[in-house]
Amino acid sequence: MIAAEASSPNSAELMVKAIQSAYYQKAQNPSLQQTLVECALSIGLDGAEFEKVLLSAETESQLQQHLGLVQQLRVSGFPALFYVNENNEAFALALGFCEVGDLEERFDKCKKHIA
């Protein structure tokens, strides 16, 4: 997603869908470089340009920053949703799937807690 977005703004969501399709519908390994290049091609990105960005030090640095944030926030499940206040404090709203009503209730509790 990082490389897709860097290659073409607003393409991250399309890349997520392409990766999910490759994994769940085609049984392809999304950890493989070739699978990611094929996903990029499927959403209209230039394969050579995408691969160059994918393998760049900048992309690796951004990935490590994302992984560091995941560790810092102690994310244990995905999807994960946090509320971050003006003091840069993070409050977990969802770690894994939850119903909308549960999410609303957690958000209301979070607002009361930080008020």
PDB file of N, CA and C in Angstrom:
ATOM      1  N   MET A   1       0.826  -1.180   0.000  1.00  0.00           N
ATOM      2  CA  MET A   1       0.000   0.000   0.000  1.00  0.00           C
ATOM      3  C   MET A   1       0.876   1.252   0.000  1.00  0.00           C
ATOM      4  N   ILE A   2       1.959   1.207   0.738  1.00  0.00           N
ATOM      5  CA  ILE A   2       2.862   2.353   0.794  1.00  0.00           C
ATOM      6  C   ILE A   2       3.435   2.627  -0.589  1.00  0.00           C
ATOM      7  N   ALA A   3       3.900   1.587  -1.250  1.00  0.00           N
ATOM      8  CA  ALA A   3       4.492   1.746  -2.580  1.00  0.00           C
ATOM      9  C   ALA A   3       3.437   2.143  -3.606  1.00  0.00           C
ATOM     10  N   ALA A   4       2.248   1.592  -3.486  1.00  0.00           N
ATOM     11  CA  ALA A   4       1.180   1.957  -4.422  1.00  0.00           C
ATOM     12  C   ALA A   4       0.834   3.432  -4.281  1.00  0.00           C
ATOM     13  N   GLU A   5       0.675   3.877  -3.057  1.00  0.00           N
ATOM     14  CA  GLU A   5       0.318   5.277  -2.792  1.00  0.00           C
ATOM     15  C   GLU A   5       1.424   6.212  -3.275  1.00  0.00           C
ATOM     16  N   ALA A   6       2.680   5.808  -3.092  1.00  0.00           N
ATOM     17  CA  ALA A   6       3.798   6.629  -3.553  1.00  0.00           C
ATOM     18  C   ALA A   6       3.852   6.677  -5.075  1.00  0.00           C
ATOM     19  N   SER A   7       3.433   5.596  -5.712  1.00  0.00           N
ATOM     20  CA  SER A   7       3.437   5.528  -7.175  1.00  0.00           C
ATOM     21  C   SER A   7       2.293   6.312  -7.794  1.00  0.00           C
ATOM     22  N   SER A   8       1.159   6.293  -7.110  1.00  0.00           N
ATOM     23  CA  SER A   8      -0.030   6.966  -7.622  1.00  0.00           C
ATOM     24  C   SER A   8      -0.928   7.351  -6.441  1.00  0.00           C
ATOM     25  N   PRO A   9      -1.014   8.642  -6.139  1.00  0.00           N
ATOM     26  CA  PRO A   9      -1.846   9.079  -5.011  1.00  0.00           C
ATOM     27  C   PRO A   9      -3.268   8.521  -5.087  1.00  0.00           C
ATOM     28  N   ASN A  10      -3.792   8.190  -3.938  1.00  0.00           N
ATOM     29  CA  ASN A  10      -5.149   7.655  -3.777  1.00  0.00           C
ATOM     30  C   ASN A  10      -5.318   6.236  -4.325  1.00  0.00           C
ATOM     31  N   SER A  11      -4.227   5.499  -4.440  1.00  0.00           N
ATOM     32  CA  SER A  11      -4.326   4.133  -4.949  1.00  0.00           C
ATOM     33  C   SER A  11      -4.245   3.079  -3.845  1.00  0.00           C
ATOM     34  N   ALA A  12      -4.017   3.491  -2.608  1.00  0.00           N
ATOM     35  CA  ALA A  12      -3.839   2.528  -1.512  1.00  0.00           C
ATOM     36  C   ALA A  12      -5.071   1.642  -1.334  1.00  0.00           C
ATOM     37  N   GLU A  13      -6.247   2.229  -1.392  1.00  0.00           N
ATOM     38  CA  GLU A  13      -7.463   1.435  -1.192  1.00  0.00           C
ATOM     39  C   GLU A  13      -7.624   0.394  -2.300  1.00  0.00           C
ATOM     40  N   LEU A  14      -7.336   0.796  -3.527  1.00  0.00           N
ATOM     41  CA  LEU A  14      -7.404  -0.156  -4.638  1.00  0.00           C
ATOM     42  C   LEU A  14      -6.389  -1.278  -4.456  1.00  0.00           C
ATOM     43  N   MET A  15      -5.217  -0.924  -3.953  1.00  0.00           N
ATOM     44  CA  MET A  15      -4.176  -1.926  -3.734  1.00  0.00           C
ATOM     45  C   MET A  15      -4.601  -2.903  -2.648  1.00  0.00           C
ATOM     46  N   VAL A  16      -5.212  -2.416  -1.590  1.00  0.00           N
ATOM     47  CA  VAL A  16      -5.707  -3.303  -0.533  1.00  0.00           C
ATOM     48  C   VAL A  16      -6.674  -4.325  -1.126  1.00  0.00           C
ATOM     49  N   LYS A  17      -7.591  -3.849  -1.941  1.00  0.00           N
ATOM     50  CA  LYS A  17      -8.575  -4.756  -2.562  1.00  0.00           C
ATOM     51  C   LYS A  17      -7.901  -5.756  -3.484  1.00  0.00           C
ATOM     52  N   ALA A  18      -6.901  -5.303  -4.239  1.00  0.00           N
ATOM     53  CA  ALA A  18      -6.187  -6.201  -5.139  1.00  0.00           C
ATOM     54  C   ALA A  18      -5.423  -7.263  -4.350  1.00  0.00           C
ATOM     55  N   ILE A  19      -4.809  -6.881  -3.254  1.00  0.00           N
ATOM     56  CA  ILE A  19      -4.077  -7.840  -2.421  1.00  0.00           C
ATOM     57  C   ILE A  19      -5.041  -8.843  -1.796  1.00  0.00           C
ATOM     58  N   GLN A  20      -6.183  -8.369  -1.311  1.00  0.00           N
ATOM     59  CA  GLN A  20      -7.179  -9.272  -0.731  1.00  0.00           C
ATOM     60  C   GLN A  20      -7.682 -10.261  -1.777  1.00  0.00           C
ATOM     61  N   SER A  21      -7.929  -9.776  -2.971  1.00  0.00           N
ATOM     62  CA  SER A  21      -8.381 -10.645  -4.054  1.00  0.00           C
ATOM     63  C   SER A  21      -7.316 -11.689  -4.386  1.00  0.00           C
ATOM     64  N   ALA A  22      -6.071 -11.260  -4.470  1.00  0.00           N
ATOM     65  CA  ALA A  22      -4.981 -12.196  -4.769  1.00  0.00           C
ATOM     66  C   ALA A  22      -4.898 -13.275  -3.692  1.00  0.00           C
ATOM     67  N   TYR A  23      -5.036 -12.884  -2.447  1.00  0.00           N
ATOM     68  CA  TYR A  23      -4.901 -13.829  -1.334  1.00  0.00           C
ATOM     69  C   TYR A  23      -6.117 -14.744  -1.201  1.00  0.00           C
ATOM     70  N   TYR A  24      -7.294 -14.147  -1.113  1.00  0.00           N
ATOM     71  CA  TYR A  24      -8.492 -14.928  -0.813  1.00  0.00           C
ATOM     72  C   TYR A  24      -9.094 -15.625  -2.024  1.00  0.00           C
ATOM     73  N   GLN A  25      -8.998 -15.028  -3.194  1.00  0.00           N
ATOM     74  CA  GLN A  25      -9.639 -15.614  -4.372  1.00  0.00           C
ATOM     75  C   GLN A  25      -8.681 -16.405  -5.249  1.00  0.00           C
ATOM     76  N   LYS A  26      -7.406 -16.032  -5.233  1.00  0.00           N
ATOM     77  CA  LYS A  26      -6.443 -16.684  -6.120  1.00  0.00           C
ATOM     78  C   LYS A  26      -5.381 -17.484  -5.368  1.00  0.00           C
ATOM     79  N   ALA A  27      -5.456 -17.489  -4.032  1.00  0.00           N
ATOM     80  CA  ALA A  27      -4.517 -18.222  -3.188  1.00  0.00           C
ATOM     81  C   ALA A  27      -3.063 -17.836  -3.478  1.00  0.00           C
ATOM     82  N   GLN A  28      -2.825 -16.552  -3.747  1.00  0.00           N
ATOM     83  CA  GLN A  28      -1.471 -16.060  -3.986  1.00  0.00           C
ATOM     84  C   GLN A  28      -0.900 -15.499  -2.689  1.00  0.00           C
ATOM     85  N   ASN A  29       0.403 -15.572  -2.555  1.00  0.00           N
ATOM     86  CA  ASN A  29       1.089 -15.113  -1.351  1.00  0.00           C
ATOM     87  C   ASN A  29       1.386 -13.612  -1.474  1.00  0.00           C
ATOM     88  N   PRO A  30       0.730 -12.766  -0.662  1.00  0.00           N
ATOM     89  CA  PRO A  30       0.960 -11.325  -0.752  1.00  0.00           C
ATOM     90  C   PRO A  30       2.300 -10.879  -0.183  1.00  0.00           C
ATOM     91  N   SER A  31       3.061 -11.817   0.356  1.00  0.00           N
ATOM     92  CA  SER A  31       4.410 -11.484   0.830  1.00  0.00           C
ATOM     93  C   SER A  31       5.426 -11.530  -0.303  1.00  0.00           C
ATOM     94  N   LEU A  32       5.031 -12.111  -1.418  1.00  0.00           N
ATOM     95  CA  LEU A  32       5.955 -12.235  -2.543  1.00  0.00           C
ATOM     96  C   LEU A  32       5.938 -10.978  -3.408  1.00  0.00           C
ATOM     97  N   GLN A  33       7.112 -10.562  -3.793  1.00  0.00           N
ATOM     98  CA  GLN A  33       7.268  -9.374  -4.630  1.00  0.00           C
ATOM     99  C   GLN A  33       6.459  -9.493  -5.926  1.00  0.00           C
ATOM    100  N   GLN A  34       6.500 -10.650  -6.562  1.00  0.00           N
ATOM    101  CA  GLN A  34       5.793 -10.832  -7.828  1.00  0.00           C
ATOM    102  C   GLN A  34       4.284 -10.677  -7.655  1.00  0.00           C
ATOM    103  N   THR A  35       3.747 -11.177  -6.551  1.00  0.00           N
ATOM    104  CA  THR A  35       2.316 -11.024  -6.284  1.00  0.00           C
ATOM    105  C   THR A  35       1.959  -9.546  -6.156  1.00  0.00           C
ATOM    106  N   LEU A  36       2.791  -8.794  -5.448  1.00  0.00           N
ATOM    107  CA  LEU A  36       2.520  -7.363  -5.268  1.00  0.00           C
ATOM    108  C   LEU A  36       2.614  -6.610  -6.589  1.00  0.00           C
ATOM    109  N   VAL A  37       3.566  -6.985  -7.424  1.00  0.00           N
ATOM    110  CA  VAL A  37       3.685  -6.342  -8.741  1.00  0.00           C
ATOM    111  C   VAL A  37       2.451  -6.656  -9.586  1.00  0.00           C
ATOM    112  N   GLU A  38       2.004  -7.900  -9.546  1.00  0.00           N
ATOM    113  CA  GLU A  38       0.792  -8.266 -10.288  1.00  0.00           C
ATOM    114  C   GLU A  38      -0.420  -7.497  -9.775  1.00  0.00           C
ATOM    115  N   CYS A  39      -0.515  -7.314  -8.466  1.00  0.00           N
ATOM    116  CA  CYS A  39      -1.614  -6.528  -7.894  1.00  0.00           C
ATOM    117  C   CYS A  39      -1.534  -5.079  -8.385  1.00  0.00           C
ATOM    118  N   ALA A  40      -0.325  -4.529  -8.392  1.00  0.00           N
ATOM    119  CA  ALA A  40      -0.138  -3.155  -8.867  1.00  0.00           C
ATOM    120  C   ALA A  40      -0.562  -3.031 -10.327  1.00  0.00           C
ATOM    121  N   LEU A  41      -0.171  -3.989 -11.135  1.00  0.00           N
ATOM    122  CA  LEU A  41      -0.567  -3.980 -12.551  1.00  0.00           C
ATOM    123  C   LEU A  41      -2.086  -4.054 -12.693  1.00  0.00           C
ATOM    124  N   SER A  42      -2.716  -4.850 -11.829  1.00  0.00           N
ATOM    125  CA  SER A  42      -4.169  -5.037 -11.924  1.00  0.00           C
ATOM    126  C   SER A  42      -4.959  -3.764 -11.614  1.00  0.00           C
ATOM    127  N   ILE A  43      -4.327  -2.811 -10.916  1.00  0.00           N
ATOM    128  CA  ILE A  43      -5.018  -1.548 -10.616  1.00  0.00           C
ATOM    129  C   ILE A  43      -4.511  -0.406 -11.495  1.00  0.00           C
ATOM    130  N   GLY A  44      -3.735  -0.770 -12.513  1.00  0.00           N
ATOM    131  CA  GLY A  44      -3.319   0.217 -13.491  1.00  0.00           C
ATOM    132  C   GLY A  44      -1.998   0.921 -13.224  1.00  0.00           C
ATOM    133  N   LEU A  45      -1.220   0.427 -12.273  1.00  0.00           N
ATOM    134  CA  LEU A  45       0.074   1.045 -12.002  1.00  0.00           C
ATOM    135  C   LEU A  45       1.126   0.478 -12.949  1.00  0.00           C
ATOM    136  N   ASP A  46       2.159   1.249 -13.189  1.00  0.00           N
ATOM    137  CA  ASP A  46       3.289   0.803 -13.987  1.00  0.00           C
ATOM    138  C   ASP A  46       4.088  -0.195 -13.150  1.00  0.00           C
ATOM    139  N   GLY A  47       4.227  -1.417 -13.635  1.00  0.00           N
ATOM    140  CA  GLY A  47       4.867  -2.472 -12.870  1.00  0.00           C
ATOM    141  C   GLY A  47       6.313  -2.177 -12.512  1.00  0.00           C
ATOM    142  N   ALA A  48       7.085  -1.683 -13.473  1.00  0.00           N
ATOM    143  CA  ALA A  48       8.502  -1.393 -13.221  1.00  0.00           C
ATOM    144  C   ALA A  48       8.660  -0.260 -12.210  1.00  0.00           C
ATOM    145  N   GLU A  49       7.847   0.774 -12.345  1.00  0.00           N
ATOM    146  CA  GLU A  49       7.907   1.903 -11.419  1.00  0.00           C
ATOM    147  C   GLU A  49       7.488   1.464 -10.020  1.00  0.00           C
ATOM    148  N   PHE A  50       6.415   0.675  -9.947  1.00  0.00           N
ATOM    149  CA  PHE A  50       5.952   0.179  -8.656  1.00  0.00           C
ATOM    150  C   PHE A  50       7.043  -0.654  -7.978  1.00  0.00           C
ATOM    151  N   GLU A  51       7.649  -1.556  -8.727  1.00  0.00           N
ATOM    152  CA  GLU A  51       8.681  -2.424  -8.164  1.00  0.00           C
ATOM    153  C   GLU A  51       9.867  -1.603  -7.660  1.00  0.00           C
ATOM    154  N   LYS A  52      10.235  -0.567  -8.393  1.00  0.00           N
ATOM    155  CA  LYS A  52      11.328   0.312  -7.968  1.00  0.00           C
ATOM    156  C   LYS A  52      10.984   0.981  -6.635  1.00  0.00           C
ATOM    157  N   VAL A  53       9.765   1.495  -6.530  1.00  0.00           N
ATOM    158  CA  VAL A  53       9.327   2.141  -5.291  1.00  0.00           C
ATOM    159  C   VAL A  53       9.209   1.120  -4.164  1.00  0.00           C
ATOM    160  N   LEU A  54       8.691  -0.061  -4.479  1.00  0.00           N
ATOM    161  CA  LEU A  54       8.525  -1.123  -3.483  1.00  0.00           C
ATOM    162  C   LEU A  54       9.858  -1.482  -2.831  1.00  0.00           C
ATOM    163  N   LEU A  55      10.920  -1.511  -3.614  1.00  0.00           N
ATOM    164  CA  LEU A  55      12.227  -1.925  -3.120  1.00  0.00           C
ATOM    165  C   LEU A  55      13.084  -0.771  -2.599  1.00  0.00           C
ATOM    166  N   SER A  56      12.527   0.424  -2.584  1.00  0.00           N
ATOM    167  CA  SER A  56      13.307   1.595  -2.179  1.00  0.00           C
ATOM    168  C   SER A  56      13.503   1.666  -0.667  1.00  0.00           C
ATOM    169  N   ALA A  57      14.548   2.352  -0.270  1.00  0.00           N
ATOM    170  CA  ALA A  57      14.833   2.563   1.149  1.00  0.00           C
ATOM    171  C   ALA A  57      13.735   3.398   1.798  1.00  0.00           C
ATOM    172  N   GLU A  58      13.172   4.329   1.066  1.00  0.00           N
ATOM    173  CA  GLU A  58      12.101   5.187   1.604  1.00  0.00           C
ATOM    174  C   GLU A  58      10.870   4.350   1.969  1.00  0.00           C
ATOM    175  N   THR A  59      10.500   3.429   1.091  1.00  0.00           N
ATOM    176  CA  THR A  59       9.348   2.567   1.375  1.00  0.00           C
ATOM    177  C   THR A  59       9.631   1.694   2.591  1.00  0.00           C
ATOM    178  N   GLU A  60      10.822   1.130   2.671  1.00  0.00           N
ATOM    179  CA  GLU A  60      11.196   0.302   3.836  1.00  0.00           C
ATOM    180  C   GLU A  60      11.150   1.134   5.110  1.00  0.00           C
ATOM    181  N   SER A  61      11.631   2.366   5.056  1.00  0.00           N
ATOM    182  CA  SER A  61      11.617   3.248   6.221  1.00  0.00           C
ATOM    183  C   SER A  61      10.182   3.525   6.673  1.00  0.00           C
ATOM    184  N   GLN A  62       9.306   3.798   5.728  1.00  0.00           N
ATOM    185  CA  GLN A  62       7.904   4.051   6.075  1.00  0.00           C
ATOM    186  C   GLN A  62       7.252   2.798   6.665  1.00  0.00           C
ATOM    187  N   LEU A  63       7.569   1.633   6.098  1.00  0.00           N
ATOM    188  CA  LEU A  63       7.027   0.382   6.632  1.00  0.00           C
ATOM    189  C   LEU A  63       7.478   0.182   8.069  1.00  0.00           C
ATOM    190  N   GLN A  64       8.750   0.425   8.341  1.00  0.00           N
ATOM    191  CA  GLN A  64       9.260   0.265   9.699  1.00  0.00           C
ATOM    192  C   GLN A  64       8.592   1.246  10.661  1.00  0.00           C
ATOM    193  N   GLN A  65       8.304   2.458  10.198  1.00  0.00           N
ATOM    194  CA  GLN A  65       7.581   3.428  11.030  1.00  0.00           C
ATOM    195  C   GLN A  65       6.181   2.915  11.352  1.00  0.00           C
ATOM    196  N   HIS A  66       5.507   2.362  10.352  1.00  0.00           N
ATOM    197  CA  HIS A  66       4.163   1.816  10.561  1.00  0.00           C
ATOM    198  C   HIS A  66       4.210   0.666  11.560  1.00  0.00           C
ATOM    199  N   LEU A  67       5.181  -0.235  11.380  1.00  0.00           N
ATOM    200  CA  LEU A  67       5.300  -1.378  12.284  1.00  0.00           C
ATOM    201  C   LEU A  67       5.629  -0.921  13.702  1.00  0.00           C
ATOM    202  N   GLY A  68       6.439   0.115  13.819  1.00  0.00           N
ATOM    203  CA  GLY A  68       6.750   0.670  15.137  1.00  0.00           C
ATOM    204  C   GLY A  68       5.515   1.225  15.816  1.00  0.00           C
ATOM    205  N   LEU A  69       4.678   1.891  15.056  1.00  0.00           N
ATOM    206  CA  LEU A  69       3.434   2.428  15.611  1.00  0.00           C
ATOM    207  C   LEU A  69       2.514   1.298  16.062  1.00  0.00           C
ATOM    208  N   VAL A  70       2.449   0.229  15.281  1.00  0.00           N
ATOM    209  CA  VAL A  70       1.645  -0.938  15.653  1.00  0.00           C
ATOM    210  C   VAL A  70       2.123  -1.490  16.996  1.00  0.00           C
ATOM    211  N   GLN A  71       3.433  -1.591  17.165  1.00  0.00           N
ATOM    212  CA  GLN A  71       3.978  -2.083  18.436  1.00  0.00           C
ATOM    213  C   GLN A  71       3.705  -1.105  19.569  1.00  0.00           C
ATOM    214  N   GLN A  72       3.910   0.182  19.300  1.00  0.00           N
ATOM    215  CA  GLN A  72       3.699   1.207  20.322  1.00  0.00           C
ATOM    216  C   GLN A  72       2.260   1.204  20.818  1.00  0.00           C
ATOM    217  N   LEU A  73       1.325   1.027  19.909  1.00  0.00           N
ATOM    218  CA  LEU A  73      -0.090   1.025  20.272  1.00  0.00           C
ATOM    219  C   LEU A  73      -0.564  -0.341  20.782  1.00  0.00           C
ATOM    220  N   ARG A  74       0.314  -1.323  20.729  1.00  0.00           N
ATOM    221  CA  ARG A  74       0.004  -2.684  21.170  1.00  0.00           C
ATOM    222  C   ARG A  74      -1.178  -3.274  20.408  1.00  0.00           C
ATOM    223  N   VAL A  75      -1.166  -3.074  19.121  1.00  0.00           N
ATOM    224  CA  VAL A  75      -2.235  -3.609  18.270  1.00  0.00           C
ATOM    225  C   VAL A  75      -2.122  -5.122  18.260  1.00  0.00           C
ATOM    226  N   SER A  76      -3.228  -5.778  18.572  1.00  0.00           N
ATOM    227  CA  SER A  76      -3.238  -7.232  18.627  1.00  0.00           C
ATOM    228  C   SER A  76      -4.184  -7.844  17.601  1.00  0.00           C
ATOM    229  N   GLY A  77      -4.892  -7.019  16.877  1.00  0.00           N
ATOM    230  CA  GLY A  77      -5.822  -7.525  15.880  1.00  0.00           C
ATOM    231  C   GLY A  77      -6.139  -6.459  14.859  1.00  0.00           C
ATOM    232  N   PHE A  78      -6.550  -6.917  13.713  1.00  0.00           N
ATOM    233  CA  PHE A  78      -6.912  -5.996  12.634  1.00  0.00           C
ATOM    234  C   PHE A  78      -8.312  -6.337  12.167  1.00  0.00           C
ATOM    235  N   PRO A  79      -9.077  -5.379  11.732  1.00  0.00           N
ATOM    236  CA  PRO A  79      -8.707  -3.969  11.646  1.00  0.00           C
ATOM    237  C   PRO A  79      -8.610  -3.346  13.041  1.00  0.00           C
ATOM    238  N   ALA A  80      -7.803  -2.321  13.138  1.00  0.00           N
ATOM    239  CA  ALA A  80      -7.628  -1.596  14.395  1.00  0.00           C
ATOM    240  C   ALA A  80      -8.017  -0.139  14.173  1.00  0.00           C
ATOM    241  N   LEU A  81      -8.764   0.404  15.106  1.00  0.00           N
ATOM    242  CA  LEU A  81      -9.200   1.795  15.005  1.00  0.00           C
ATOM    243  C   LEU A  81      -8.936   2.475  16.337  1.00  0.00           C
ATOM    244  N   PHE A  82      -8.258   3.615  16.275  1.00  0.00           N
ATOM    245  CA  PHE A  82      -7.910   4.373  17.469  1.00  0.00           C
ATOM    246  C   PHE A  82      -8.411   5.800  17.340  1.00  0.00           C
ATOM    247  N   TYR A  83      -8.733   6.381  18.480  1.00  0.00           N
ATOM    248  CA  TYR A  83      -8.984   7.818  18.550  1.00  0.00           C
ATOM    249  C   TYR A  83      -7.713   8.430  19.132  1.00  0.00           C
ATOM    250  N   VAL A  84      -7.163   9.421  18.446  1.00  0.00           N
ATOM    251  CA  VAL A  84      -5.963  10.104  18.920  1.00  0.00           C
ATOM    252  C   VAL A  84      -6.350  11.548  19.224  1.00  0.00           C
ATOM    253  N   ASN A  85      -6.135  11.955  20.490  1.00  0.00           N
ATOM    254  CA  ASN A  85      -6.540  13.305  20.888  1.00  0.00           C
ATOM    255  C   ASN A  85      -5.453  14.332  20.569  1.00  0.00           C
ATOM    256  N   GLU A  86      -5.718  15.570  20.941  1.00  0.00           N
ATOM    257  CA  GLU A  86      -4.798  16.671  20.638  1.00  0.00           C
ATOM    258  C   GLU A  86      -3.464  16.549  21.365  1.00  0.00           C
ATOM    259  N   ASN A  87      -3.403  15.735  22.420  1.00  0.00           N
ATOM    260  CA  ASN A  87      -2.157  15.483  23.154  1.00  0.00           C
ATOM    261  C   ASN A  87      -1.412  14.273  22.596  1.00  0.00           C
ATOM    262  N   ASN A  88      -1.890  13.767  21.466  1.00  0.00           N
ATOM    263  CA  ASN A  88      -1.300  12.611  20.794  1.00  0.00           C
ATOM    264  C   ASN A  88      -1.425  11.328  21.624  1.00  0.00           C
ATOM    265  N   GLU A  89      -2.465  11.271  22.465  1.00  0.00           N
ATOM    266  CA  GLU A  89      -2.765  10.069  23.227  1.00  0.00           C
ATOM    267  C   GLU A  89      -3.733   9.224  22.400  1.00  0.00           C
ATOM    268  N   ALA A  90      -3.456   7.929  22.317  1.00  0.00           N
ATOM    269  CA  ALA A  90      -4.278   7.027  21.511  1.00  0.00           C
ATOM    270  C   ALA A  90      -5.177   6.182  22.400  1.00  0.00           C
ATOM    271  N   PHE A  91      -6.426   6.056  21.997  1.00  0.00           N
ATOM    272  CA  PHE A  91      -7.418   5.251  22.704  1.00  0.00           C
ATOM    273  C   PHE A  91      -7.979   4.229  21.720  1.00  0.00           C
ATOM    274  N   ALA A  92      -7.852   2.950  22.056  1.00  0.00           N
ATOM    275  CA  ALA A  92      -8.329   1.884  21.171  1.00  0.00           C
ATOM    276  C   ALA A  92      -9.854   1.882  21.129  1.00  0.00           C
ATOM    277  N   LEU A  93     -10.388   1.921  19.945  1.00  0.00           N
ATOM    278  CA  LEU A  93     -11.839   1.808  19.762  1.00  0.00           C
ATOM    279  C   LEU A  93     -12.204   0.417  19.257  1.00  0.00           C
ATOM    280  N   ALA A  94     -11.351  -0.162  18.434  1.00  0.00           N
ATOM    281  CA  ALA A  94     -11.606  -1.501  17.912  1.00  0.00           C
ATOM    282  C   ALA A  94     -10.286  -2.175  17.586  1.00  0.00           C
ATOM    283  N   LEU A  95     -10.120  -3.376  18.081  1.00  0.00           N
ATOM    284  CA  LEU A  95      -8.979  -4.224  17.740  1.00  0.00           C
ATOM    285  C   LEU A  95      -9.561  -5.517  17.195  1.00  0.00           C
ATOM    286  N   GLY A  96      -9.823  -5.522  15.930  1.00  0.00           N
ATOM    287  CA  GLY A  96     -10.535  -6.611  15.295  1.00  0.00           C
ATOM    288  C   GLY A  96     -11.934  -6.139  14.938  1.00  0.00           C
ATOM    289  N   PHE A  97     -12.714  -7.023  14.366  1.00  0.00           N
ATOM    290  CA  PHE A  97     -14.061  -6.680  13.924  1.00  0.00           C
ATOM    291  C   PHE A  97     -14.952  -6.328  15.104  1.00  0.00           C
ATOM    292  N   CYS A  98     -15.808  -5.336  14.915  1.00  0.00           N
ATOM    293  CA  CYS A  98     -16.843  -5.038  15.904  1.00  0.00           C
ATOM    294  C   CYS A  98     -18.053  -4.444  15.182  1.00  0.00           C
ATOM    295  N   GLU A  99     -19.184  -4.554  15.814  1.00  0.00           N
ATOM    296  CA  GLU A  99     -20.424  -4.007  15.269  1.00  0.00           C
ATOM    297  C   GLU A  99     -20.432  -2.490  15.440  1.00  0.00           C
ATOM    298  N   VAL A 100     -21.177  -1.794  14.596  1.00  0.00           N
ATOM    299  CA  VAL A 100     -21.251  -0.336  14.638  1.00  0.00           C
ATOM    300  C   VAL A 100     -21.720   0.153  15.994  1.00  0.00           C
ATOM    301  N   GLY A 101     -22.727  -0.502  16.557  1.00  0.00           N
ATOM    302  CA  GLY A 101     -23.241  -0.091  17.868  1.00  0.00           C
ATOM    303  C   GLY A 101     -22.170  -0.168  18.946  1.00  0.00           C
ATOM    304  N   ASP A 102     -21.368  -1.232  18.910  1.00  0.00           N
ATOM    305  CA  ASP A 102     -20.277  -1.373  19.877  1.00  0.00           C
ATOM    306  C   ASP A 102     -19.245  -0.266  19.685  1.00  0.00           C
ATOM    307  N   LEU A 103     -18.950   0.051  18.440  1.00  0.00           N
ATOM    308  CA  LEU A 103     -17.984   1.105  18.144  1.00  0.00           C
ATOM    309  C   LEU A 103     -18.486   2.455  18.651  1.00  0.00           C
ATOM    310  N   GLU A 104     -19.761   2.742  18.419  1.00  0.00           N
ATOM    311  CA  GLU A 104     -20.339   3.999  18.900  1.00  0.00           C
ATOM    312  C   GLU A 104     -20.276   4.086  20.423  1.00  0.00           C
ATOM    313  N   GLU A 105     -20.580   2.976  21.079  1.00  0.00           N
ATOM    314  CA  GLU A 105     -20.544   2.941  22.549  1.00  0.00           C
ATOM    315  C   GLU A 105     -19.120   3.185  23.058  1.00  0.00           C
ATOM    316  N   ARG A 106     -18.145   2.545  22.439  1.00  0.00           N
ATOM    317  CA  ARG A 106     -16.746   2.735  22.843  1.00  0.00           C
ATOM    318  C   ARG A 106     -16.298   4.175  22.609  1.00  0.00           C
ATOM    319  N   PHE A 107     -16.721   4.753  21.491  1.00  0.00           N
ATOM    320  CA  PHE A 107     -16.345   6.130  21.195  1.00  0.00           C
ATOM    321  C   PHE A 107     -16.965   7.084  22.210  1.00  0.00           C
ATOM    322  N   ASP A 108     -18.225   6.863  22.565  1.00  0.00           N
ATOM    323  CA  ASP A 108     -18.883   7.693  23.579  1.00  0.00           C
ATOM    324  C   ASP A 108     -18.151   7.598  24.921  1.00  0.00           C
ATOM    325  N   LYS A 109     -17.764   6.386  25.317  1.00  0.00           N
ATOM    326  CA  LYS A 109     -17.012   6.205  26.569  1.00  0.00           C
ATOM    327  C   LYS A 109     -15.663   6.915  26.485  1.00  0.00           C
ATOM    328  N   CYS A 110     -15.041   6.830  25.354  1.00  0.00           N
ATOM    329  CA  CYS A 110     -13.742   7.468  25.138  1.00  0.00           C
ATOM    330  C   CYS A 110     -13.870   8.987  25.278  1.00  0.00           C
ATOM    331  N   LYS A 111     -14.906   9.557  24.681  1.00  0.00           N
ATOM    332  CA  LYS A 111     -15.118  11.015  24.764  1.00  0.00           C
ATOM    333  C   LYS A 111     -15.336  11.439  26.208  1.00  0.00           C
ATOM    334  N   LYS A 112     -16.098  10.662  26.978  1.00  0.00           N
ATOM    335  CA  LYS A 112     -16.355  10.978  28.383  1.00  0.00           C
ATOM    336  C   LYS A 112     -15.070  10.887  29.199  1.00  0.00           C
ATOM    337  N   HIS A 113     -14.250   9.909  28.880  1.00  0.00           N
ATOM    338  CA  HIS A 113     -13.006   9.679  29.611  1.00  0.00           C
ATOM    339  C   HIS A 113     -12.010  10.816  29.408  1.00  0.00           C
ATOM    340  N   ILE A 114     -11.967  11.359  28.216  1.00  0.00           N
ATOM    341  CA  ILE A 114     -10.967  12.397  27.925  1.00  0.00           C
ATOM    342  C   ILE A 114     -11.500  13.804  28.150  1.00  0.00           C
ATOM    343  N   ALA A 115     -12.793  13.916  28.432  1.00  0.00           N
ATOM    344  CA  ALA A 115     -13.391  15.249  28.629  1.00  0.00           C
ATOM    345  C   ALA A 115     -13.050  15.824  29.984  1.00  0.00           C
TER     346      ALA A 115
END
